[in-house]
Amino acid sequence: MKMVLVKNFPNRLLAEQARESLELEDIPSLVQASDTGIVGLGSIGLAEGVDLYVSEECAVRASEILQTVFDGI
């Protein structure tokens, strides 16, 4: 299964909230960043941001959901 980037977030907290939103719609996703995780620096913005990936098959639907829920972020 090929994973594709659907959105970059300024911090892990927002990326994890987006991941949970997708999981409620039965869309598995993966959060990837160079920070220390939700327990560490989760709410601090990172220069490169935090990436959210989904399978290529789910990318269009995931993008639609993220646009609705996280528009402008």
PDB file of N, CA and C in Angstrom:
ATOM      1  N   MET A   1       0.854  -1.180   0.000  1.00  0.00           N
ATOM      2  CA  MET A   1       0.000   0.000   0.000  1.00  0.00           C
ATOM      3  C   MET A   1       0.893   1.234   0.000  1.00  0.00           C
ATOM      4  N   LYS A   2       0.710   2.078  -0.983  1.00  0.00           N
ATOM      5  CA  LYS A   2       1.481   3.313  -1.095  1.00  0.00           C
ATOM      6  C   LYS A   2       0.820   4.406  -0.259  1.00  0.00           C
ATOM      7  N   MET A   3       1.620   5.071   0.583  1.00  0.00           N
ATOM      8  CA  MET A   3       1.134   6.171   1.406  1.00  0.00           C
ATOM      9  C   MET A   3       1.501   7.485   0.728  1.00  0.00           C
ATOM     10  N   VAL A   4       0.565   8.443   0.771  1.00  0.00           N
ATOM     11  CA  VAL A   4       0.801   9.753   0.168  1.00  0.00           C
ATOM     12  C   VAL A   4       0.526  10.847   1.194  1.00  0.00           C
ATOM     13  N   LEU A   5       1.240  11.939   1.069  1.00  0.00           N
ATOM     14  CA  LEU A   5       1.062  13.094   1.943  1.00  0.00           C
ATOM     15  C   LEU A   5      -0.245  13.796   1.587  1.00  0.00           C
ATOM     16  N   VAL A   6      -1.114  14.011   2.590  1.00  0.00           N
ATOM     17  CA  VAL A   6      -2.352  14.743   2.323  1.00  0.00           C
ATOM     18  C   VAL A   6      -2.355  16.131   2.943  1.00  0.00           C
ATOM     19  N   LYS A   7      -1.560  16.334   4.006  1.00  0.00           N
ATOM     20  CA  LYS A   7      -1.529  17.668   4.613  1.00  0.00           C
ATOM     21  C   LYS A   7      -0.332  17.774   5.542  1.00  0.00           C
ATOM     22  N   ASN A   8       0.208  18.979   5.626  1.00  0.00           N
ATOM     23  CA  ASN A   8       1.272  19.302   6.567  1.00  0.00           C
ATOM     24  C   ASN A   8       0.685  20.254   7.602  1.00  0.00           C
ATOM     25  N   PHE A   9       0.898  19.939   8.875  1.00  0.00           N
ATOM     26  CA  PHE A   9       0.373  20.754   9.978  1.00  0.00           C
ATOM     27  C   PHE A   9       1.517  21.448  10.699  1.00  0.00           C
ATOM     28  N   PRO A  10       1.240  22.583  11.363  1.00  0.00           N
ATOM     29  CA  PRO A  10       2.301  23.311  12.060  1.00  0.00           C
ATOM     30  C   PRO A  10       2.803  22.604  13.321  1.00  0.00           C
ATOM     31  N   ASN A  11       2.001  21.681  13.891  1.00  0.00           N
ATOM     32  CA  ASN A  11       2.441  20.967  15.090  1.00  0.00           C
ATOM     33  C   ASN A  11       1.781  19.592  15.174  1.00  0.00           C
ATOM     34  N   ARG A  12       2.317  18.745  16.047  1.00  0.00           N
ATOM     35  CA  ARG A  12       1.837  17.376  16.183  1.00  0.00           C
ATOM     36  C   ARG A  12       0.417  17.328  16.737  1.00  0.00           C
ATOM     37  N   LEU A  13       0.062  18.219  17.631  1.00  0.00           N
ATOM     38  CA  LEU A  13      -1.274  18.206  18.225  1.00  0.00           C
ATOM     39  C   LEU A  13      -2.350  18.313  17.146  1.00  0.00           C
ATOM     40  N   LEU A  14      -2.205  19.245  16.231  1.00  0.00           N
ATOM     41  CA  LEU A  14      -3.181  19.382  15.143  1.00  0.00           C
ATOM     42  C   LEU A  14      -3.160  18.175  14.214  1.00  0.00           C
ATOM     43  N   ALA A  15      -1.971  17.654  13.941  1.00  0.00           N
ATOM     44  CA  ALA A  15      -1.864  16.479  13.072  1.00  0.00           C
ATOM     45  C   ALA A  15      -2.549  15.272  13.707  1.00  0.00           C
ATOM     46  N   GLU A  16      -2.398  15.093  15.002  1.00  0.00           N
ATOM     47  CA  GLU A  16      -3.045  13.973  15.693  1.00  0.00           C
ATOM     48  C   GLU A  16      -4.565  14.153  15.718  1.00  0.00           C
ATOM     49  N   GLN A  17      -5.028  15.382  15.876  1.00  0.00           N
ATOM     50  CA  GLN A  17      -6.477  15.630  15.816  1.00  0.00           C
ATOM     51  C   GLN A  17      -7.013  15.291  14.427  1.00  0.00           C
ATOM     52  N   ALA A  18      -6.269  15.638  13.408  1.00  0.00           N
ATOM     53  CA  ALA A  18      -6.676  15.317  12.036  1.00  0.00           C
ATOM     54  C   ALA A  18      -6.677  13.807  11.830  1.00  0.00           C
ATOM     55  N   ARG A  19      -5.673  13.125  12.348  1.00  0.00           N
ATOM     56  CA  ARG A  19      -5.599  11.671  12.240  1.00  0.00           C
ATOM     57  C   ARG A  19      -6.823  11.028  12.873  1.00  0.00           C
ATOM     58  N   GLU A  20      -7.215  11.520  14.037  1.00  0.00           N
ATOM     59  CA  GLU A  20      -8.402  10.996  14.711  1.00  0.00           C
ATOM     60  C   GLU A  20      -9.668  11.267  13.901  1.00  0.00           C
ATOM     61  N   SER A  21      -9.760  12.430  13.287  1.00  0.00           N
ATOM     62  CA  SER A  21     -10.918  12.752  12.435  1.00  0.00           C
ATOM     63  C   SER A  21     -11.017  11.776  11.271  1.00  0.00           C
ATOM     64  N   LEU A  22      -9.885  11.445  10.680  1.00  0.00           N
ATOM     65  CA  LEU A  22      -9.889  10.499   9.566  1.00  0.00           C
ATOM     66  C   LEU A  22     -10.245   9.092  10.038  1.00  0.00           C
ATOM     67  N   GLU A  23      -9.742   8.713  11.193  1.00  0.00           N
ATOM     68  CA  GLU A  23     -10.047   7.374  11.701  1.00  0.00           C
ATOM     69  C   GLU A  23     -11.531   7.209  12.000  1.00  0.00           C
ATOM     70  N   LEU A  24     -12.195   8.286  12.403  1.00  0.00           N
ATOM     71  CA  LEU A  24     -13.650   8.225  12.614  1.00  0.00           C
ATOM     72  C   LEU A  24     -14.384   7.930  11.310  1.00  0.00           C
ATOM     73  N   GLU A  25     -13.748   8.236  10.192  1.00  0.00           N
ATOM     74  CA  GLU A  25     -14.317   7.975   8.869  1.00  0.00           C
ATOM     75  C   GLU A  25     -13.726   6.698   8.259  1.00  0.00           C
ATOM     76  N   ASP A  26     -13.101   5.883   9.105  1.00  0.00           N
ATOM     77  CA  ASP A  26     -12.469   4.622   8.676  1.00  0.00           C
ATOM     78  C   ASP A  26     -11.367   4.814   7.643  1.00  0.00           C
ATOM     79  N   ILE A  27     -10.622   5.904   7.795  1.00  0.00           N
ATOM     80  CA  ILE A  27      -9.471   6.162   6.934  1.00  0.00           C
ATOM     81  C   ILE A  27      -8.220   6.096   7.807  1.00  0.00           C
ATOM     82  N   PRO A  28      -7.457   5.013   7.694  1.00  0.00           N
ATOM     83  CA  PRO A  28      -6.226   4.926   8.478  1.00  0.00           C
ATOM     84  C   PRO A  28      -5.202   5.947   7.988  1.00  0.00           C
ATOM     85  N   SER A  29      -4.428   6.466   8.909  1.00  0.00           N
ATOM     86  CA  SER A  29      -3.443   7.474   8.542  1.00  0.00           C
ATOM     87  C   SER A  29      -2.202   7.343   9.411  1.00  0.00           C
ATOM     88  N   LEU A  30      -1.168   8.059   9.008  1.00  0.00           N
ATOM     89  CA  LEU A  30       0.113   8.015   9.681  1.00  0.00           C
ATOM     90  C   LEU A  30       0.626   9.438   9.852  1.00  0.00           C
ATOM     91  N   VAL A  31       1.053   9.762  11.063  1.00  0.00           N
ATOM     92  CA  VAL A  31       1.635  11.075  11.358  1.00  0.00           C
ATOM     93  C   VAL A  31       3.144  10.899  11.410  1.00  0.00           C
ATOM     94  N   GLN A  32       3.869  11.795  10.733  1.00  0.00           N
ATOM     95  CA  GLN A  32       5.319  11.701  10.713  1.00  0.00           C
ATOM     96  C   GLN A  32       5.931  13.086  10.903  1.00  0.00           C
ATOM     97  N   ALA A  33       6.873  13.164  11.860  1.00  0.00           N
ATOM     98  CA  ALA A  33       7.568  14.430  12.125  1.00  0.00           C
ATOM     99  C   ALA A  33       8.883  14.153  12.823  1.00  0.00           C
ATOM    100  N   SER A  34       9.697  15.164  12.919  1.00  0.00           N
ATOM    101  CA  SER A  34      10.998  15.018  13.576  1.00  0.00           C
ATOM    102  C   SER A  34      10.962  15.450  15.047  1.00  0.00           C
ATOM    103  N   ASP A  35       9.760  15.717  15.588  1.00  0.00           N
ATOM    104  CA  ASP A  35       9.664  16.135  16.991  1.00  0.00           C
ATOM    105  C   ASP A  35       9.725  14.911  17.903  1.00  0.00           C
ATOM    106  N   THR A  36       9.515  15.132  19.195  1.00  0.00           N
ATOM    107  CA  THR A  36       9.601  14.040  20.160  1.00  0.00           C
ATOM    108  C   THR A  36       8.265  13.376  20.421  1.00  0.00           C
ATOM    109  N   GLY A  37       7.213  13.803  19.774  1.00  0.00           N
ATOM    110  CA  GLY A  37       5.913  13.150  19.937  1.00  0.00           C
ATOM    111  C   GLY A  37       4.958  13.933  20.794  1.00  0.00           C
ATOM    112  N   ILE A  38       3.775  13.404  20.953  1.00  0.00           N
ATOM    113  CA  ILE A  38       2.686  14.071  21.663  1.00  0.00           C
ATOM    114  C   ILE A  38       3.022  14.313  23.136  1.00  0.00           C
ATOM    115  N   VAL A  39       3.835  13.445  23.735  1.00  0.00           N
ATOM    116  CA  VAL A  39       4.190  13.620  25.141  1.00  0.00           C
ATOM    117  C   VAL A  39       5.240  14.709  25.310  1.00  0.00           C
ATOM    118  N   GLY A  40       6.046  14.919  24.284  1.00  0.00           N
ATOM    119  CA  GLY A  40       7.115  15.900  24.375  1.00  0.00           C
ATOM    120  C   GLY A  40       6.686  17.273  23.908  1.00  0.00           C
ATOM    121  N   LEU A  41       7.065  17.619  22.712  1.00  0.00           N
ATOM    122  CA  LEU A  41       6.853  18.962  22.190  1.00  0.00           C
ATOM    123  C   LEU A  41       5.635  19.041  21.270  1.00  0.00           C
ATOM    124  N   GLY A  42       4.583  18.341  21.595  1.00  0.00           N
ATOM    125  CA  GLY A  42       3.428  18.193  20.725  1.00  0.00           C
ATOM    126  C   GLY A  42       2.759  19.460  20.262  1.00  0.00           C
ATOM    127  N   SER A  43       2.701  20.487  21.081  1.00  0.00           N
ATOM    128  CA  SER A  43       1.965  21.687  20.685  1.00  0.00           C
ATOM    129  C   SER A  43       2.874  22.797  20.160  1.00  0.00           C
ATOM    130  N   ILE A  44       4.166  22.557  20.153  1.00  0.00           N
ATOM    131  CA  ILE A  44       5.109  23.559  19.655  1.00  0.00           C
ATOM    132  C   ILE A  44       5.243  23.401  18.148  1.00  0.00           C
ATOM    133  N   GLY A  45       5.149  24.509  17.436  1.00  0.00           N
ATOM    134  CA  GLY A  45       5.279  24.461  15.985  1.00  0.00           C
ATOM    135  C   GLY A  45       6.678  24.051  15.555  1.00  0.00           C
ATOM    136  N   LEU A  46       6.745  23.319  14.476  1.00  0.00           N
ATOM    137  CA  LEU A  46       8.024  22.891  13.932  1.00  0.00           C
ATOM    138  C   LEU A  46       8.245  23.591  12.597  1.00  0.00           C
ATOM    139  N   ALA A  47       9.475  23.948  12.322  1.00  0.00           N
ATOM    140  CA  ALA A  47       9.782  24.650  11.079  1.00  0.00           C
ATOM    141  C   ALA A  47       9.327  23.857   9.860  1.00  0.00           C
ATOM    142  N   GLU A  48       9.553  22.548   9.860  1.00  0.00           N
ATOM    143  CA  GLU A  48       9.161  21.721   8.716  1.00  0.00           C
ATOM    144  C   GLU A  48       7.746  21.172   8.848  1.00  0.00           C
ATOM    145  N   GLY A  49       7.111  21.376   9.997  1.00  0.00           N
ATOM    146  CA  GLY A  49       5.747  20.924  10.203  1.00  0.00           C
ATOM    147  C   GLY A  49       5.661  19.436  10.490  1.00  0.00           C
ATOM    148  N   VAL A  50       4.429  18.957  10.521  1.00  0.00           N
ATOM    149  CA  VAL A  50       4.135  17.550  10.806  1.00  0.00           C
ATOM    150  C   VAL A  50       3.269  17.036   9.656  1.00  0.00           C
ATOM    151  N   ASP A  51       3.709  15.956   9.043  1.00  0.00           N
ATOM    152  CA  ASP A  51       3.027  15.428   7.864  1.00  0.00           C
ATOM    153  C   ASP A  51       2.003  14.356   8.235  1.00  0.00           C
ATOM    154  N   LEU A  52       0.895  14.363   7.508  1.00  0.00           N
ATOM    155  CA  LEU A  52      -0.152  13.363   7.667  1.00  0.00           C
ATOM    156  C   LEU A  52      -0.277  12.603   6.350  1.00  0.00           C
ATOM    157  N   TYR A  53      -0.126  11.290   6.424  1.00  0.00           N
ATOM    158  CA  TYR A  53      -0.174  10.424   5.257  1.00  0.00           C
ATOM    159  C   TYR A  53      -1.365   9.482   5.320  1.00  0.00           C
ATOM    160  N   VAL A  54      -1.922   9.169   4.167  1.00  0.00           N
ATOM    161  CA  VAL A  54      -2.971   8.153   4.032  1.00  0.00           C
ATOM    162  C   VAL A  54      -2.635   7.294   2.818  1.00  0.00           C
ATOM    163  N   SER A  55      -3.344   6.183   2.679  1.00  0.00           N
ATOM    164  CA  SER A  55      -3.116   5.352   1.501  1.00  0.00           C
ATOM    165  C   SER A  55      -3.565   6.122   0.262  1.00  0.00           C
ATOM    166  N   GLU A  56      -2.932   5.803  -0.833  1.00  0.00           N
ATOM    167  CA  GLU A  56      -3.241   6.478  -2.098  1.00  0.00           C
ATOM    168  C   GLU A  56      -4.728   6.358  -2.438  1.00  0.00           C
ATOM    169  N   GLU A  57      -5.328   5.214  -2.115  1.00  0.00           N
ATOM    170  CA  GLU A  57      -6.744   4.971  -2.408  1.00  0.00           C
ATOM    171  C   GLU A  57      -7.679   5.885  -1.616  1.00  0.00           C
ATOM    172  N   CYS A  58      -7.230   6.339  -0.457  1.00  0.00           N
ATOM    173  CA  CYS A  58      -8.073   7.172   0.421  1.00  0.00           C
ATOM    174  C   CYS A  58      -7.751   8.658   0.331  1.00  0.00           C
ATOM    175  N   ALA A  59      -6.790   9.031  -0.486  1.00  0.00           N
ATOM    176  CA  ALA A  59      -6.273  10.406  -0.485  1.00  0.00           C
ATOM    177  C   ALA A  59      -7.318  11.459  -0.830  1.00  0.00           C
ATOM    178  N   VAL A  60      -8.152  11.208  -1.818  1.00  0.00           N
ATOM    179  CA  VAL A  60      -9.140  12.216  -2.217  1.00  0.00           C
ATOM    180  C   VAL A  60     -10.146  12.442  -1.095  1.00  0.00           C
ATOM    181  N   ARG A  61     -10.691  11.370  -0.549  1.00  0.00           N
ATOM    182  CA  ARG A  61     -11.679  11.496   0.540  1.00  0.00           C
ATOM    183  C   ARG A  61     -11.039  12.149   1.770  1.00  0.00           C
ATOM    184  N   ALA A  62      -9.832  11.745   2.114  1.00  0.00           N
ATOM    185  CA  ALA A  62      -9.138  12.332   3.267  1.00  0.00           C
ATOM    186  C   ALA A  62      -8.919  13.828   3.068  1.00  0.00           C
ATOM    187  N   SER A  63      -8.525  14.223   1.875  1.00  0.00           N
ATOM    188  CA  SER A  63      -8.315  15.647   1.590  1.00  0.00           C
ATOM    189  C   SER A  63      -9.609  16.439   1.742  1.00  0.00           C
ATOM    190  N   GLU A  64     -10.708  15.866   1.297  1.00  0.00           N
ATOM    191  CA  GLU A  64     -12.012  16.525   1.441  1.00  0.00           C
ATOM    192  C   GLU A  64     -12.366  16.724   2.915  1.00  0.00           C
ATOM    193  N   ILE A  65     -12.164  15.691   3.712  1.00  0.00           N
ATOM    194  CA  ILE A  65     -12.470  15.771   5.149  1.00  0.00           C
ATOM    195  C   ILE A  65     -11.581  16.818   5.811  1.00  0.00           C
ATOM    196  N   LEU A  66     -10.302  16.773   5.525  1.00  0.00           N
ATOM    197  CA  LEU A  66      -9.363  17.719   6.141  1.00  0.00           C
ATOM    198  C   LEU A  66      -9.653  19.146   5.711  1.00  0.00           C
ATOM    199  N   GLN A  67     -10.057  19.340   4.488  1.00  0.00           N
ATOM    200  CA  GLN A  67     -10.416  20.673   4.012  1.00  0.00           C
ATOM    201  C   GLN A  67     -11.608  21.221   4.798  1.00  0.00           C
ATOM    202  N   THR A  68     -12.589  20.365   5.052  1.00  0.00           N
ATOM    203  CA  THR A  68     -13.777  20.767   5.788  1.00  0.00           C
ATOM    204  C   THR A  68     -13.464  21.079   7.250  1.00  0.00           C
ATOM    205  N   VAL A  69     -12.710  20.193   7.879  1.00  0.00           N
ATOM    206  CA  VAL A  69     -12.457  20.298   9.325  1.00  0.00           C
ATOM    207  C   VAL A  69     -11.306  21.242   9.654  1.00  0.00           C
ATOM    208  N   PHE A  70     -10.261  21.236   8.839  1.00  0.00           N
ATOM    209  CA  PHE A  70      -9.047  21.988   9.149  1.00  0.00           C
ATOM    210  C   PHE A  70      -8.726  23.043   8.100  1.00  0.00           C
ATOM    211  N   ASP A  71      -9.745  23.626   7.512  1.00  0.00           N
ATOM    212  CA  ASP A  71      -9.559  24.674   6.511  1.00  0.00           C
ATOM    213  C   ASP A  71      -8.770  25.831   7.097  1.00  0.00           C
ATOM    214  N   GLY A  72      -7.744  26.259   6.399  1.00  0.00           N
ATOM    215  CA  GLY A  72      -6.962  27.404   6.833  1.00  0.00           C
ATOM    216  C   GLY A  72      -5.816  27.068   7.759  1.00  0.00           C
ATOM    217  N   ILE A  73      -5.654  25.806   8.110  1.00  0.00           N
ATOM    218  CA  ILE A  73      -4.547  25.418   8.997  1.00  0.00           C
ATOM    219  C   ILE A  73      -3.452  24.810   8.164  1.00  0.00           C
TER     220      ILE A  73
END
